[in-house]
PDB file of N, CA and C in Angstrom:
ATOM      1  N   MET A   1     -20.758 -18.555  -7.699  1.00  0.00           N
ATOM      2  CA  MET A   1     -20.872 -17.178  -6.817  1.00  0.00           C
ATOM      3  C   MET A   1     -19.182 -16.816  -7.418  1.00  0.00           C
ATOM      4  N   SER A   2     -19.154 -15.379  -7.853  1.00  0.00           N
ATOM      5  CA  SER A   2     -18.002 -14.979  -8.384  1.00  0.00           C
ATOM      6  C   SER A   2     -17.517 -13.794  -6.727  1.00  0.00           C
ATOM      7  N   SER A   3     -16.227 -14.055  -6.735  1.00  0.00           N
ATOM      8  CA  SER A   3     -15.752 -13.207  -6.152  1.00  0.00           C
ATOM      9  C   SER A   3     -14.656 -12.524  -6.718  1.00  0.00           C
ATOM     10  N   TRP A   4     -14.367 -11.004  -6.094  1.00  0.00           N
ATOM     11  CA  TRP A   4     -13.378 -10.106  -6.771  1.00  0.00           C
ATOM     12  C   TRP A   4     -12.719  -9.713  -5.577  1.00  0.00           C
ATOM     13  N   LEU A   5     -11.129  -9.193  -6.246  1.00  0.00           N
ATOM     14  CA  LEU A   5     -10.353  -8.514  -5.227  1.00  0.00           C
ATOM     15  C   LEU A   5      -9.654  -7.717  -5.953  1.00  0.00           C
ATOM     16  N   LYS A   6      -9.308  -6.267  -5.538  1.00  0.00           N
ATOM     17  CA  LYS A   6      -8.848  -5.289  -6.370  1.00  0.00           C
ATOM     18  C   LYS A   6      -7.556  -4.993  -5.882  1.00  0.00           C
ATOM     19  N   CYS A   7      -6.864  -5.375  -6.870  1.00  0.00           N
ATOM     20  CA  CYS A   7      -5.328  -4.902  -6.241  1.00  0.00           C
ATOM     21  C   CYS A   7      -5.356  -2.996  -5.938  1.00  0.00           C
ATOM     22  N   ARG A   8      -3.715  -2.813  -5.590  1.00  0.00           N
ATOM     23  CA  ARG A   8      -3.317  -1.509  -5.003  1.00  0.00           C
ATOM     24  C   ARG A   8      -3.323  -0.755  -6.789  1.00  0.00           C
ATOM     25  N   CYS A   9      -2.789  -1.459  -7.412  1.00  0.00           N
ATOM     26  CA  CYS A   9      -3.013  -0.754  -9.018  1.00  0.00           C
ATOM     27  C   CYS A   9      -4.086  -0.726  -9.531  1.00  0.00           C
ATOM     28  N   GLY A  10      -5.562  -1.085  -9.092  1.00  0.00           N
ATOM     29  CA  GLY A  10      -6.575  -0.454  -9.818  1.00  0.00           C
ATOM     30  C   GLY A  10      -7.083  -1.898 -10.381  1.00  0.00           C
ATOM     31  N   GLU A  11      -5.758  -2.997 -10.650  1.00  0.00           N
ATOM     32  CA  GLU A  11      -6.605  -4.509 -11.274  1.00  0.00           C
ATOM     33  C   GLU A  11      -7.691  -4.970 -10.587  1.00  0.00           C
ATOM     34  N   THR A  12      -8.797  -5.314 -11.202  1.00  0.00           N
ATOM     35  CA  THR A  12      -9.582  -6.222 -10.305  1.00  0.00           C
ATOM     36  C   THR A  12      -9.154  -7.539 -10.910  1.00  0.00           C
ATOM     37  N   ILE A  13      -9.214  -8.713  -9.810  1.00  0.00           N
ATOM     38  CA  ILE A  13      -8.615  -9.853 -10.014  1.00  0.00           C
ATOM     39  C   ILE A  13     -10.147 -10.986  -9.512  1.00  0.00           C
ATOM     40  N   GLY A  14     -10.588 -11.972 -10.627  1.00  0.00           N
ATOM     41  CA  GLY A  14     -11.567 -12.769 -10.166  1.00  0.00           C
ATOM     42  C   GLY A  14     -10.445 -13.810  -9.413  1.00  0.00           C
ATOM     43  N   VAL A  15     -11.269 -14.327  -7.853  1.00  0.00           N
ATOM     44  CA  VAL A  15     -10.628 -15.262  -7.411  1.00  0.00           C
ATOM     45  C   VAL A  15     -11.909 -16.159  -7.028  1.00  0.00           C
ATOM     46  N   GLY A  16     -12.891 -16.021  -7.223  1.00  0.00           N
ATOM     47  CA  GLY A  16     -14.052 -17.026  -7.108  1.00  0.00           C
ATOM     48  C   GLY A  16     -14.155 -18.370  -7.790  1.00  0.00           C
ATOM     49  N   SER A  17     -13.573 -18.272  -9.096  1.00  0.00           N
ATOM     50  CA  SER A  17     -13.665 -19.765  -9.696  1.00  0.00           C
ATOM     51  C   SER A  17     -13.060 -20.654  -9.019  1.00  0.00           C
ATOM     52  N   PHE A  18     -13.385 -21.961  -9.386  1.00  0.00           N
ATOM     53  CA  PHE A  18     -12.051 -22.834  -8.946  1.00  0.00           C
ATOM     54  C   PHE A  18     -12.355 -24.353 -10.027  1.00  0.00           C
ATOM     55  N   PRO A  19     -11.105 -24.591  -9.964  1.00  0.00           N
ATOM     56  CA  PRO A  19      -9.888 -24.352  -9.701  1.00  0.00           C
ATOM     57  C   PRO A  19      -9.846 -22.814 -10.741  1.00  0.00           C
ATOM     58  N   ASN A  20      -9.172 -22.254  -9.810  1.00  0.00           N
ATOM     59  CA  ASN A  20      -8.464 -20.632 -10.487  1.00  0.00           C
ATOM     60  C   ASN A  20      -6.821 -20.678 -10.491  1.00  0.00           C
ATOM     61  N   PRO A  21      -6.828 -20.581 -12.130  1.00  0.00           N
ATOM     62  CA  PRO A  21      -5.117 -20.673 -12.373  1.00  0.00           C
ATOM     63  C   PRO A  21      -4.590 -19.484 -11.793  1.00  0.00           C
ATOM     64  N   GLY A  22      -4.903 -18.084 -11.289  1.00  0.00           N
ATOM     65  CA  GLY A  22      -4.449 -17.210 -10.608  1.00  0.00           C
ATOM     66  C   GLY A  22      -4.415 -17.160  -9.241  1.00  0.00           C
ATOM     67  N   VAL A  23      -4.994 -18.679  -8.733  1.00  0.00           N
ATOM     68  CA  VAL A  23      -4.459 -18.208  -7.146  1.00  0.00           C
ATOM     69  C   VAL A  23      -4.295 -19.633  -6.767  1.00  0.00           C
ATOM     70  N   SER A  24      -2.972 -19.474  -6.243  1.00  0.00           N
ATOM     71  CA  SER A  24      -2.045 -20.798  -5.473  1.00  0.00           C
ATOM     72  C   SER A  24      -2.504 -20.490  -3.807  1.00  0.00           C
ATOM     73  N   ARG A  25      -1.990 -21.795  -3.530  1.00  0.00           N
ATOM     74  CA  ARG A  25      -2.111 -22.080  -2.106  1.00  0.00           C
ATOM     75  C   ARG A  25      -0.838 -22.350  -1.752  1.00  0.00           C
ATOM     76  N   VAL A  26      -0.231 -21.657  -0.299  1.00  0.00           N
ATOM     77  CA  VAL A  26       1.315 -21.828  -0.171  1.00  0.00           C
ATOM     78  C   VAL A  26       1.222 -22.877   0.864  1.00  0.00           C
ATOM     79  N   LEU A  27       1.920 -23.962   0.741  1.00  0.00           N
ATOM     80  CA  LEU A  27       2.219 -24.844   1.851  1.00  0.00           C
ATOM     81  C   LEU A  27       3.558 -25.340   2.189  1.00  0.00           C
ATOM     82  N   SER A  28       3.556 -25.106   3.556  1.00  0.00           N
ATOM     83  CA  SER A  28       4.936 -25.210   4.383  1.00  0.00           C
ATOM     84  C   SER A  28       5.664 -26.387   4.311  1.00  0.00           C
ATOM     85  N   GLU A  29       6.569 -26.832   4.199  1.00  0.00           N
ATOM     86  CA  GLU A  29       7.227 -28.029   4.484  1.00  0.00           C
ATOM     87  C   GLU A  29       6.498 -28.995   5.952  1.00  0.00           C
ATOM     88  N   GLU A  30       6.482 -28.218   6.513  1.00  0.00           N
ATOM     89  CA  GLU A  30       5.911 -28.748   7.922  1.00  0.00           C
ATOM     90  C   GLU A  30       4.767 -29.250   7.803  1.00  0.00           C
ATOM     91  N   GLN A  31       3.759 -28.602   7.470  1.00  0.00           N
ATOM     92  CA  GLN A  31       2.626 -28.851   6.899  1.00  0.00           C
ATOM     93  C   GLN A  31       2.258 -30.321   6.171  1.00  0.00           C
ATOM     94  N   TYR A  32       3.253 -30.422   4.639  1.00  0.00           N
ATOM     95  CA  TYR A  32       3.271 -31.580   4.264  1.00  0.00           C
ATOM     96  C   TYR A  32       3.726 -32.387   4.780  1.00  0.00           C
ATOM     97  N   ASP A  33       4.740 -32.493   5.618  1.00  0.00           N
ATOM     98  CA  ASP A  33       5.453 -33.396   6.523  1.00  0.00           C
ATOM     99  C   ASP A  33       4.244 -34.090   7.471  1.00  0.00           C
ATOM    100  N   GLY A  34       3.281 -33.244   8.320  1.00  0.00           N
ATOM    101  CA  GLY A  34       2.299 -33.342   9.019  1.00  0.00           C
ATOM    102  C   GLY A  34       1.359 -34.550   8.378  1.00  0.00           C
ATOM    103  N   LEU A  35       1.070 -34.514   7.143  1.00  0.00           N
ATOM    104  CA  LEU A  35       0.557 -35.594   6.436  1.00  0.00           C
ATOM    105  C   LEU A  35       0.817 -37.052   6.589  1.00  0.00           C
ATOM    106  N   GLN A  36      -0.332 -37.815   7.362  1.00  0.00           N
ATOM    107  CA  GLN A  36      -0.036 -39.205   7.430  1.00  0.00           C
ATOM    108  C   GLN A  36       0.132 -39.884   6.122  1.00  0.00           C
ATOM    109  N   ASP A  37      -0.875 -39.910   5.354  1.00  0.00           N
ATOM    110  CA  ASP A  37      -0.860 -40.433   4.157  1.00  0.00           C
ATOM    111  C   ASP A  37      -1.287 -39.484   2.777  1.00  0.00           C
ATOM    112  N   PRO A  38      -0.143 -38.764   2.374  1.00  0.00           N
ATOM    113  CA  PRO A  38      -0.033 -37.826   1.105  1.00  0.00           C
ATOM    114  C   PRO A  38      -1.154 -38.357  -0.072  1.00  0.00           C
ATOM    115  N   VAL A  39      -1.773 -39.194  -0.073  1.00  0.00           N
ATOM    116  CA  VAL A  39      -2.505 -39.779  -0.996  1.00  0.00           C
ATOM    117  C   VAL A  39      -4.098 -39.711  -0.758  1.00  0.00           C
ATOM    118  N   ASP A  40      -3.942 -39.262   0.694  1.00  0.00           N
ATOM    119  CA  ASP A  40      -5.971 -39.453   1.290  1.00  0.00           C
ATOM    120  C   ASP A  40      -6.237 -38.322   0.890  1.00  0.00           C
ATOM    121  N   ARG A  41      -6.983 -38.112  -0.179  1.00  0.00           N
ATOM    122  CA  ARG A  41      -7.728 -37.111  -0.647  1.00  0.00           C
ATOM    123  C   ARG A  41      -8.568 -36.345   0.616  1.00  0.00           C
ATOM    124  N   THR A  42      -9.387 -37.231   1.693  1.00  0.00           N
ATOM    125  CA  THR A  42      -9.620 -36.233   2.753  1.00  0.00           C
ATOM    126  C   THR A  42      -8.889 -35.299   3.350  1.00  0.00           C
ATOM    127  N   ALA A  43      -7.704 -35.921   3.926  1.00  0.00           N
ATOM    128  CA  ALA A  43      -6.830 -35.146   4.175  1.00  0.00           C
ATOM    129  C   ALA A  43      -6.143 -34.037   3.513  1.00  0.00           C
ATOM    130  N   LEU A  44      -5.556 -34.049   2.488  1.00  0.00           N
ATOM    131  CA  LEU A  44      -5.519 -33.243   1.392  1.00  0.00           C
ATOM    132  C   LEU A  44      -6.291 -32.177   1.349  1.00  0.00           C
ATOM    133  N   ALA A  45      -7.830 -32.655   1.268  1.00  0.00           N
ATOM    134  CA  ALA A  45      -8.618 -31.324   1.059  1.00  0.00           C
ATOM    135  C   ALA A  45      -8.792 -30.803   2.381  1.00  0.00           C
ATOM    136  N   THR A  46      -8.444 -31.148   3.462  1.00  0.00           N
ATOM    137  CA  THR A  46      -8.707 -30.656   5.149  1.00  0.00           C
ATOM    138  C   THR A  46      -7.609 -29.590   4.656  1.00  0.00           C
ATOM    139  N   LEU A  47      -6.351 -30.055   4.433  1.00  0.00           N
ATOM    140  CA  LEU A  47      -4.990 -28.876   4.354  1.00  0.00           C
ATOM    141  C   LEU A  47      -5.139 -27.923   3.508  1.00  0.00           C
ATOM    142  N   PHE A  48      -5.634 -27.999   2.276  1.00  0.00           N
ATOM    143  CA  PHE A  48      -5.980 -27.408   1.290  1.00  0.00           C
ATOM    144  C   PHE A  48      -6.333 -26.261   1.990  1.00  0.00           C
ATOM    145  N   LEU A  49      -7.830 -26.291   2.451  1.00  0.00           N
ATOM    146  CA  LEU A  49      -8.566 -25.396   3.048  1.00  0.00           C
ATOM    147  C   LEU A  49      -8.097 -24.452   3.983  1.00  0.00           C
ATOM    148  N   SER A  50      -7.126 -25.126   4.741  1.00  0.00           N
ATOM    149  CA  SER A  50      -6.529 -24.437   5.763  1.00  0.00           C
ATOM    150  C   SER A  50      -5.157 -23.550   5.399  1.00  0.00           C
ATOM    151  N   LEU A  51      -5.172 -23.907   3.969  1.00  0.00           N
ATOM    152  CA  LEU A  51      -3.680 -23.026   3.624  1.00  0.00           C
ATOM    153  C   LEU A  51      -4.037 -21.587   3.085  1.00  0.00           C
ATOM    154  N   ASP A  52      -2.692 -20.572   3.282  1.00  0.00           N
ATOM    155  CA  ASP A  52      -2.664 -19.432   2.865  1.00  0.00           C
ATOM    156  C   ASP A  52      -3.175 -19.298   1.531  1.00  0.00           C
ATOM    157  N   SER A  53      -3.528 -18.006   1.121  1.00  0.00           N
ATOM    158  CA  SER A  53      -3.704 -18.169  -0.371  1.00  0.00           C
ATOM    159  C   SER A  53      -2.881 -16.811  -1.385  1.00  0.00           C
ATOM    160  N   LEU A  54      -2.274 -16.925  -2.203  1.00  0.00           N
ATOM    161  CA  LEU A  54      -1.138 -16.253  -2.770  1.00  0.00           C
ATOM    162  C   LEU A  54      -1.773 -15.753  -4.279  1.00  0.00           C
ATOM    163  N   ILE A  55      -2.216 -14.536  -4.461  1.00  0.00           N
ATOM    164  CA  ILE A  55      -2.480 -14.397  -5.690  1.00  0.00           C
ATOM    165  C   ILE A  55      -1.467 -13.040  -6.781  1.00  0.00           C
ATOM    166  N   ARG A  56      -1.180 -13.202  -7.941  1.00  0.00           N
ATOM    167  CA  ARG A  56      -0.094 -12.467  -8.549  1.00  0.00           C
ATOM    168  C   ARG A  56      -0.985 -11.738  -9.533  1.00  0.00           C
ATOM    169  N   CYS A  57      -0.973 -10.335  -9.342  1.00  0.00           N
ATOM    170  CA  CYS A  57      -1.523  -9.217  -9.950  1.00  0.00           C
ATOM    171  C   CYS A  57      -1.043  -9.460 -11.479  1.00  0.00           C
ATOM    172  N   PRO A  58      -2.067  -9.706 -12.188  1.00  0.00           N
ATOM    173  CA  PRO A  58      -1.300  -9.841 -13.982  1.00  0.00           C
ATOM    174  C   PRO A  58      -0.927  -8.222 -14.358  1.00  0.00           C
ATOM    175  N   ARG A  59      -1.240  -7.559 -13.924  1.00  0.00           N
ATOM    176  CA  ARG A  59      -1.166  -6.209 -14.477  1.00  0.00           C
ATOM    177  C   ARG A  59      -0.006  -5.785 -13.934  1.00  0.00           C
ATOM    178  N   CYS A  60       0.461  -5.304 -12.583  1.00  0.00           N
ATOM    179  CA  CYS A  60       1.586  -5.118 -11.865  1.00  0.00           C
ATOM    180  C   CYS A  60       2.752  -5.711 -11.051  1.00  0.00           C
ATOM    181  N   GLY A  61       1.840  -7.373 -11.709  1.00  0.00           N
ATOM    182  CA  GLY A  61       3.139  -8.137 -10.868  1.00  0.00           C
ATOM    183  C   GLY A  61       2.999  -8.186  -9.404  1.00  0.00           C
ATOM    184  N   GLY A  62       2.717  -7.561  -8.104  1.00  0.00           N
ATOM    185  CA  GLY A  62       2.182  -7.570  -7.092  1.00  0.00           C
ATOM    186  C   GLY A  62       1.649  -9.156  -6.316  1.00  0.00           C
ATOM    187  N   LEU A  63       2.066  -9.008  -5.205  1.00  0.00           N
ATOM    188  CA  LEU A  63       1.696 -10.348  -4.737  1.00  0.00           C
ATOM    189  C   LEU A  63       0.813 -10.033  -3.585  1.00  0.00           C
ATOM    190  N   LEU A  64      -0.455 -10.840  -3.537  1.00  0.00           N
ATOM    191  CA  LEU A  64      -1.464 -10.729  -2.587  1.00  0.00           C
ATOM    192  C   LEU A  64      -1.220 -11.750  -2.090  1.00  0.00           C
ATOM    193  N   LEU A  65      -1.533 -11.899  -0.572  1.00  0.00           N
ATOM    194  CA  LEU A  65      -1.127 -12.723   0.351  1.00  0.00           C
ATOM    195  C   LEU A  65      -2.349 -12.806   1.268  1.00  0.00           C
ATOM    196  N   GLN A  66      -3.357 -13.726   1.507  1.00  0.00           N
ATOM    197  CA  GLN A  66      -4.418 -13.976   2.648  1.00  0.00           C
ATOM    198  C   GLN A  66      -4.211 -15.135   3.412  1.00  0.00           C
ATOM    199  N   ARG A  67      -3.910 -15.061   4.312  1.00  0.00           N
ATOM    200  CA  ARG A  67      -3.414 -15.917   5.619  1.00  0.00           C
ATOM    201  C   ARG A  67      -4.481 -16.553   5.946  1.00  0.00           C
ATOM    202  N   ALA A  68      -4.358 -17.990   5.901  1.00  0.00           N
ATOM    203  CA  ALA A  68      -5.537 -18.727   6.153  1.00  0.00           C
ATOM    204  C   ALA A  68      -6.897 -18.234   7.447  1.00  0.00           C
ATOM    205  N   GLY A  69      -7.956 -17.958   7.244  1.00  0.00           N
ATOM    206  CA  GLY A  69      -8.718 -17.357   8.098  1.00  0.00           C
ATOM    207  C   GLY A  69      -8.977 -16.091   8.256  1.00  0.00           C
ATOM    208  N   GLU A  70      -8.240 -15.583   7.643  1.00  0.00           N
ATOM    209  CA  GLU A  70      -8.204 -14.026   7.597  1.00  0.00           C
ATOM    210  C   GLU A  70      -8.785 -13.486   6.475  1.00  0.00           C
ATOM    211  N   PRO A  71      -9.360 -12.380   6.566  1.00  0.00           N
ATOM    212  CA  PRO A  71     -10.197 -11.542   5.452  1.00  0.00           C
ATOM    213  C   PRO A  71      -9.669 -10.859   4.803  1.00  0.00           C
ATOM    214  N   ASP A  72      -8.438 -10.050   4.888  1.00  0.00           N
ATOM    215  CA  ASP A  72      -7.772  -9.221   4.604  1.00  0.00           C
ATOM    216  C   ASP A  72      -6.522  -9.813   3.883  1.00  0.00           C
ATOM    217  N   PHE A  73      -5.764  -9.256   2.922  1.00  0.00           N
ATOM    218  CA  PHE A  73      -4.776  -9.264   1.964  1.00  0.00           C
ATOM    219  C   PHE A  73      -3.700  -8.576   2.191  1.00  0.00           C
ATOM    220  N   GLU A  74      -2.499  -8.865   2.266  1.00  0.00           N
ATOM    221  CA  GLU A  74      -1.368  -8.578   2.326  1.00  0.00           C
ATOM    222  C   GLU A  74      -1.082  -7.890   0.863  1.00  0.00           C
ATOM    223  N   TYR A  75      -0.106  -6.803   0.702  1.00  0.00           N
ATOM    224  CA  TYR A  75       0.734  -6.376  -0.569  1.00  0.00           C
ATOM    225  C   TYR A  75       1.976  -6.463  -0.680  1.00  0.00           C
ATOM    226  N   PHE A  76       2.383  -7.310  -1.311  1.00  0.00           N
ATOM    227  CA  PHE A  76       3.817  -6.739  -1.577  1.00  0.00           C
ATOM    228  C   PHE A  76       4.250  -6.759  -2.925  1.00  0.00           C
ATOM    229  N   SER A  77       5.005  -5.409  -3.213  1.00  0.00           N
ATOM    230  CA  SER A  77       5.511  -4.877  -4.587  1.00  0.00           C
ATOM    231  C   SER A  77       6.274  -5.700  -5.273  1.00  0.00           C
ATOM    232  N   PRO A  78       6.625  -5.801  -6.305  1.00  0.00           N
ATOM    233  CA  PRO A  78       7.344  -6.053  -7.135  1.00  0.00           C
ATOM    234  C   PRO A  78       8.913  -5.393  -7.404  1.00  0.00           C
ATOM    235  N   GLU A  79       9.718  -5.989  -7.460  1.00  0.00           N
ATOM    236  CA  GLU A  79      10.973  -5.262  -7.401  1.00  0.00           C
ATOM    237  C   GLU A  79      11.235  -4.546  -8.892  1.00  0.00           C
ATOM    238  N   PRO A  80      11.401  -3.049  -8.494  1.00  0.00           N
ATOM    239  CA  PRO A  80      11.649  -2.632 -10.130  1.00  0.00           C
ATOM    240  C   PRO A  80      12.864  -3.158 -10.755  1.00  0.00           C
ATOM    241  N   SER A  81      12.558  -3.243 -12.125  1.00  0.00           N
ATOM    242  CA  SER A  81      13.402  -4.180 -12.908  1.00  0.00           C
ATOM    243  C   SER A  81      14.713  -3.196 -13.263  1.00  0.00           C
ATOM    244  N   ALA A  82      15.812  -3.900 -13.270  1.00  0.00           N
ATOM    245  CA  ALA A  82      16.791  -3.234 -13.768  1.00  0.00           C
ATOM    246  C   ALA A  82      16.882  -3.131 -15.385  1.00  0.00           C
ATOM    247  N   ARG A  83      17.270  -2.017 -16.137  1.00  0.00           N
ATOM    248  CA  ARG A  83      17.394  -1.451 -17.327  1.00  0.00           C
ATOM    249  C   ARG A  83      18.672  -1.266 -17.915  1.00  0.00           C
TER     250      ARG A  83
END
């Protein structure tokens, strides 16, 4: 099943495939340290599914953040480049 996200710049970003090179997960140090055994695949899978998602728009470079368990994305504009 495909899933798509529309950036504020109008770019449509595919986010449904797995693994997806355009989607990253945000892992805090506290979440990492909370694992009893970092190589336990079940614990890692459970942790992975509970993480926030971060997507960079390939067109404008903006970041879209989806907090775990939330349906909506927050948008963060890239800094204008100095010329």
